[in-house]
Protein backbone atom coordinates (compact mmCIF):
# COMPACT_ATOMS: atom_id res chain seq x y z
CA MET A 1 -2.73 18.66 -19.11
CA LYS A 2 -2.63 16.58 -15.92
CA LYS A 3 -0.79 13.28 -16.24
CA PRO A 4 -2.45 10.03 -15.17
CA ILE A 5 -1.77 8.62 -11.69
CA ALA A 6 0.20 5.38 -11.76
CA ILE A 7 -1.12 2.34 -9.87
CA GLN A 8 -0.12 -1.27 -9.43
CA GLY A 9 -2.87 -3.27 -11.09
CA ILE A 10 -5.71 -2.19 -13.36
CA LYS A 11 -9.01 -0.33 -13.08
CA GLY A 12 -11.15 -2.02 -10.47
CA SER A 13 -8.15 -2.85 -8.26
CA PHE A 14 -7.86 -1.55 -4.71
CA HIS A 15 -5.14 0.88 -5.86
CA HIS A 16 -7.64 2.28 -8.37
CA LEU A 17 -10.18 2.66 -5.59
CA VAL A 18 -7.66 4.69 -3.58
CA VAL A 19 -7.17 7.03 -6.55
CA GLN A 20 -10.94 7.54 -6.74
CA ASN A 21 -11.18 8.20 -3.00
CA TYR A 22 -8.06 10.30 -2.50
CA PHE A 23 -8.20 12.33 -5.71
CA ASN A 24 -11.54 12.03 -7.53
CA THR A 25 -13.55 9.47 -9.46
CA ASP A 26 -12.64 11.01 -12.83
CA SER A 27 -8.87 10.74 -12.31
CA GLU A 28 -7.08 8.90 -15.11
CA VAL A 29 -4.81 6.04 -14.09
CA LEU A 30 -1.69 4.52 -15.62
CA GLU A 31 -1.98 0.76 -15.13
CA CYS A 32 1.24 -1.06 -14.13
CA MET A 33 1.61 -4.75 -13.37
CA SER A 34 4.37 -4.35 -10.76
CA PHE A 35 5.54 -1.80 -8.20
CA ASP A 36 8.85 -1.57 -10.07
CA ASP A 37 6.90 -0.45 -13.14
CA VAL A 38 4.98 2.05 -10.99
CA VAL A 39 8.21 3.63 -9.76
CA ASN A 40 9.77 3.61 -13.24
CA SER A 41 6.77 5.49 -14.61
CA LEU A 42 7.48 8.20 -12.04
CA LEU A 43 11.22 8.30 -12.74
CA GLU A 44 10.59 8.48 -16.50
CA LYS A 45 8.03 11.27 -15.95
CA GLN A 46 5.12 9.38 -17.51
CA THR A 47 3.35 10.42 -14.32
CA ASP A 48 3.90 12.94 -11.53
CA GLU A 49 2.35 10.91 -8.69
CA VAL A 50 1.75 7.28 -7.87
CA VAL A 51 -0.21 5.23 -5.36
CA MET A 52 1.58 2.42 -3.49
CA ALA A 53 0.37 0.02 -0.79
CA LEU A 54 2.76 0.16 2.17
CA GLU A 55 1.25 -1.99 4.91
CA ASN A 56 -1.74 -4.17 5.72
CA SER A 57 -3.39 -4.62 9.12
CA ILE A 58 -3.17 -8.42 8.75
CA ALA A 59 -0.09 -9.10 6.59
CA GLY A 60 2.11 -6.27 7.93
CA SER A 61 4.59 -4.12 6.00
CA ILE A 62 5.26 -4.43 2.28
CA ILE A 63 9.00 -4.08 2.81
CA PRO A 64 10.10 -3.98 -0.86
CA ASN A 65 7.99 -0.83 -1.33
CA TYR A 66 9.82 0.93 1.51
CA ALA A 67 13.06 0.03 -0.25
CA LEU A 68 11.79 1.33 -3.62
CA ILE A 69 10.85 4.72 -2.16
CA ASP A 70 14.16 4.97 -0.30
CA SER A 71 16.53 3.78 -3.04
CA HIS A 72 15.05 6.12 -5.66
CA ASN A 73 14.91 9.11 -3.27
CA LEU A 74 11.18 9.56 -3.76
CA SER A 75 8.90 11.50 -1.44
CA ILE A 76 5.69 10.46 0.33
CA VAL A 77 3.23 13.37 0.13
CA GLY A 78 0.05 11.78 1.47
CA GLU A 79 -1.61 8.62 2.76
CA HIS A 80 -4.98 6.88 2.59
CA TYR A 81 -6.40 3.97 4.58
CA LEU A 82 -8.73 1.63 2.72
CA GLU A 83 -10.96 -1.06 4.19
CA ILE A 84 -10.32 -4.17 2.08
CA GLU A 85 -13.51 -6.09 1.32
CA HIS A 86 -13.05 -9.16 -0.85
CA CYS A 87 -15.98 -10.24 -3.04
CA LEU A 88 -16.50 -13.41 -5.10
CA MET A 89 -17.69 -12.73 -8.64
CA ALA A 90 -18.37 -14.58 -11.88
CA LEU A 91 -20.41 -14.36 -15.09
CA GLU A 92 -24.17 -13.94 -14.87
CA ASN A 93 -26.48 -16.95 -14.35
CA GLN A 94 -23.92 -18.96 -12.36
CA THR A 95 -24.08 -20.07 -8.74
CA ILE A 96 -21.16 -20.94 -6.52
CA LEU A 97 -21.87 -24.63 -7.23
CA ASP A 98 -21.05 -23.98 -10.91
CA ILE A 99 -17.60 -22.64 -10.01
CA LYS A 100 -14.68 -25.05 -10.45
CA GLU A 101 -11.80 -22.59 -9.91
CA VAL A 102 -11.26 -19.26 -8.18
CA HIS A 103 -8.36 -17.10 -9.39
CA SER A 104 -6.90 -14.15 -7.50
CA HIS A 105 -3.79 -12.57 -6.00
CA PRO A 106 -2.09 -14.93 -3.47
CA MET A 107 -2.77 -12.49 -0.60
CA ALA A 108 -6.50 -12.34 -1.44
CA LEU A 109 -6.68 -16.15 -1.60
CA LEU A 110 -4.93 -16.42 1.76
CA GLN A 111 -7.22 -13.87 3.39
CA CYS A 112 -10.33 -15.74 2.16
CA LYS A 113 -9.13 -19.31 2.71
CA LEU A 114 -11.63 -20.13 5.47
CA PHE A 115 -14.62 -19.23 3.25
CA PHE A 116 -13.66 -21.90 0.70
CA LYS A 117 -13.48 -24.72 3.27
CA ALA A 118 -17.24 -25.02 2.76
CA TYR A 119 -16.64 -25.55 -1.00
CA PRO A 120 -14.01 -28.31 -1.31
CA HIS A 121 -14.82 -28.75 -5.02
CA ILE A 122 -13.28 -25.33 -5.80
CA LYS A 123 -9.60 -25.11 -6.75
CA LEU A 124 -7.77 -21.92 -5.71
CA VAL A 125 -5.39 -20.58 -8.36
CA GLU A 126 -2.86 -17.75 -7.87
CA ALA A 127 -2.84 -14.79 -10.28
CA LYS A 128 -0.95 -11.48 -10.54
CA ASP A 129 -3.84 -9.09 -9.94
CA THR A 130 -7.35 -9.32 -8.49
CA ALA A 131 -9.07 -6.97 -10.94
CA ASP A 132 -7.21 -8.40 -13.94
CA VAL A 133 -8.81 -11.80 -13.29
CA ALA A 134 -12.26 -10.19 -13.19
CA LYS A 135 -11.54 -8.42 -16.48
CA GLN A 136 -10.39 -11.64 -18.19
CA ILE A 137 -13.48 -13.58 -17.05
CA SER A 138 -15.69 -10.82 -18.44
CA GLU A 139 -13.88 -10.22 -21.75
CA GLN A 140 -13.27 -13.90 -22.52
CA ASN A 141 -16.67 -15.06 -21.22
CA ILE A 142 -15.03 -17.70 -19.00
CA LYS A 143 -17.57 -19.94 -17.29
CA GLY A 144 -16.85 -22.05 -14.22
CA VAL A 145 -14.17 -19.62 -12.98
CA ALA A 146 -14.69 -16.90 -10.37
CA ALA A 147 -12.51 -14.02 -9.18
CA ILE A 148 -11.88 -12.54 -5.76
CA ALA A 149 -11.75 -8.78 -6.18
CA SER A 150 -13.34 -5.52 -5.08
CA LYS A 151 -17.04 -4.78 -5.52
CA ASN A 152 -15.86 -1.96 -7.78
CA ALA A 153 -14.33 -4.56 -10.14
CA SER A 154 -17.62 -6.44 -10.41
CA GLU A 155 -19.37 -3.24 -11.46
CA LEU A 156 -16.65 -2.24 -13.94
CA TYR A 157 -16.54 -5.64 -15.63
CA ASN A 158 -20.25 -6.46 -15.32
CA LEU A 159 -19.86 -9.57 -13.18
CA ASN A 160 -22.38 -11.12 -10.81
CA LEU A 161 -21.56 -11.07 -7.08
CA LEU A 162 -21.73 -14.59 -5.67
CA ALA A 163 -20.70 -13.50 -2.17
CA GLU A 164 -19.56 -10.31 -0.45
CA SER A 165 -17.08 -9.70 2.38
CA ILE A 166 -15.62 -13.22 2.27
CA GLN A 167 -12.33 -12.35 4.01
CA THR A 168 -11.74 -14.34 7.21
CA ILE A 169 -10.85 -11.30 9.33
CA LYS A 170 -13.55 -8.76 8.65
CA HIS A 171 -11.53 -5.70 9.67
CA ASN A 172 -8.84 -5.80 7.00
CA GLU A 173 -7.29 -2.43 6.22
CA THR A 174 -4.42 -1.38 3.96
CA ARG A 175 -2.44 1.83 4.21
CA PHE A 176 -1.56 3.36 0.85
CA VAL A 177 0.81 6.28 0.26
CA ILE A 178 0.88 8.92 -2.45
CA VAL A 179 4.41 9.29 -3.82
CA LYS A 180 6.08 11.96 -5.96
CA ARG A 181 9.61 12.55 -7.21
CA ASN A 182 9.92 15.33 -4.63
CA ASN A 183 7.70 17.24 -2.24
CA ASP A 184 7.92 20.76 -3.64
CA GLU A 185 4.52 21.95 -2.43
CA LYS A 186 4.80 21.41 1.34
CA ASN A 187 2.12 23.01 3.49
CA ILE A 188 3.84 23.22 6.88
CA GLU A 189 0.61 24.07 8.68
CA ALA A 190 -1.08 20.87 7.45
CA ILE A 191 1.88 18.52 8.07
CA ASN A 192 1.52 16.41 11.22
CA LYS A 193 3.09 13.12 10.15
CA VAL A 194 6.56 12.27 8.88
CA SER A 195 8.23 9.11 7.55
CA LEU A 196 11.93 8.78 8.39
CA LYS A 197 14.80 6.43 7.68
CA PHE A 198 18.05 6.13 9.60
CA GLU A 199 20.82 3.67 10.47
CA LEU A 200 22.43 2.99 13.84
CA ASP A 201 25.61 1.41 15.15
CA HIS A 202 25.12 -2.15 16.35
CA LYS A 203 25.60 -1.37 20.03
CA ARG A 204 23.53 -1.52 23.18
CA GLY A 205 20.99 1.25 23.66
CA SER A 206 21.46 2.98 20.28
CA LEU A 207 17.82 2.52 19.22
CA ALA A 208 16.48 3.28 22.70
CA THR A 209 18.38 6.58 22.69
CA VAL A 210 16.77 7.66 19.42
CA LEU A 211 13.31 6.64 20.62
CA ASN A 212 13.84 8.72 23.77
CA VAL A 213 14.61 11.75 21.58
CA LEU A 214 11.31 11.27 19.77
CA SER A 215 9.45 11.06 23.08
CA ASP A 216 11.25 14.06 24.59
CA CYS A 217 10.35 16.14 21.52
CA LYS A 218 6.64 15.20 21.85
CA LEU A 219 6.60 12.95 18.79
CA ASN A 220 4.37 9.87 18.76
CA LEU A 221 5.88 6.76 17.18
CA THR A 222 3.20 5.06 15.04
CA LYS A 223 5.38 2.67 13.04
CA ILE A 224 8.87 1.16 13.18
CA GLN A 225 10.23 -1.29 10.62
CA SER A 226 13.76 -2.62 10.29
CA LEU A 227 15.33 -3.59 6.98
CA PRO A 228 18.71 -5.35 6.72
CA LYS A 229 21.47 -3.62 4.78
CA ILE A 230 22.47 -6.19 2.17
CA GLU A 231 25.94 -4.72 1.65
CA THR A 232 26.66 -4.63 5.42
CA PRO A 233 25.71 -7.90 7.17
CA TRP A 234 23.96 -7.51 10.55
CA LYS A 235 23.45 -3.80 10.12
CA TYR A 236 19.91 -2.45 9.82
CA ALA A 237 18.12 0.57 8.50
CA PHE A 238 15.04 1.67 10.43
CA PHE A 239 11.91 3.08 8.80
CA VAL A 240 9.87 5.11 11.27
CA ASP A 241 6.58 7.02 11.13
CA VAL A 242 5.90 9.73 13.71
CA THR A 243 2.97 12.06 14.33
CA PHE A 244 2.97 15.38 16.19
CA ASP A 245 0.85 18.41 16.99
CA ALA A 246 3.44 21.10 16.26
CA TYR A 247 5.85 21.10 13.30
CA LYS A 248 8.47 22.87 15.46
CA ASP A 249 8.63 19.76 17.68
CA PHE A 250 9.54 17.67 14.65
CA GLU A 251 12.16 20.22 13.59
CA LYS A 252 13.77 19.96 17.03
CA ALA A 253 13.84 16.16 16.84
CA LYS A 254 15.19 16.30 13.30
CA SER A 255 18.14 18.48 14.29
CA ILE A 256 19.10 16.07 17.09
CA MET A 257 18.55 12.84 15.13
CA SER A 258 20.51 14.05 12.12
CA LEU A 259 23.55 14.23 14.43
CA MET A 260 22.89 10.98 16.30
CA ALA A 261 21.93 8.60 13.51
CA GLU A 262 23.75 7.58 10.34
CA ASN A 263 22.26 8.36 6.91
CA PHE A 264 19.28 10.17 8.44
CA LYS A 265 16.68 10.81 5.75
CA ILE A 266 13.16 12.21 5.47
CA LEU A 267 11.03 9.98 3.22
CA GLY A 268 7.94 12.16 3.46
CA GLU A 269 6.11 14.95 5.28
CA TYR A 270 2.32 14.91 4.99
CA LYS A 271 -1.08 15.08 6.68
CA ASN A 272 -2.02 12.20 8.99
CA ALA A 273 -5.03 10.45 7.44
CA ARG A 274 -6.13 9.25 10.87
CA ARG A 275 -7.05 12.76 12.04
């Protein structure tokens, strides 16, 4: 029997939507209220795969999630890009003028702040999860309070849409990754993207040299993120995503970089969702 797929949040959240899009709409999910809980569910074998947000086109990288994947030696096996559309929802027979408070995740509130300038009577209240607020409003029949969540959440919890696409920047996309304990079913022919981690000496030109290797081996750098090493002040680990046309080009770069860089590590090999 297939185990459920762990997500941060509950049904109706954007993580749940990724599961429906990447796997299928009937996939069971294991709801977790934090990314630490998501990872623990994988380590404790309650699940065999999890979905984790890794970066947003507006807010940037979710750095703690990079650290979670790295520190627990997990493997990225796939990715999915999701257009984030925030909707305002409440119980039936209410208008936006009836709403006194709007509850949602701090990031959702921030991304929709401009919309609420036209409604100064509404108080914005931070919550742990977008879909969880929608669920509470529905189950507890809370009037005068609205949620910012996905359209999917309004359908799941039978809430009325007061407004759609209320985010300030309309093109708002999040990159999610599919993570397993290890990647034991690699299809070399399908792999054209890799996530790497490495450390470098704090000296002039060390990063430039590595980037030149990537270029010389026909690898395209799509992401670079530095993360300070807490135990070694002023030393940094680099998280890098590269794409390529031929797996042999990556293998060549890998053999060189494993000699040049400290603690070189492959975090994942998978199919580029952009192609």
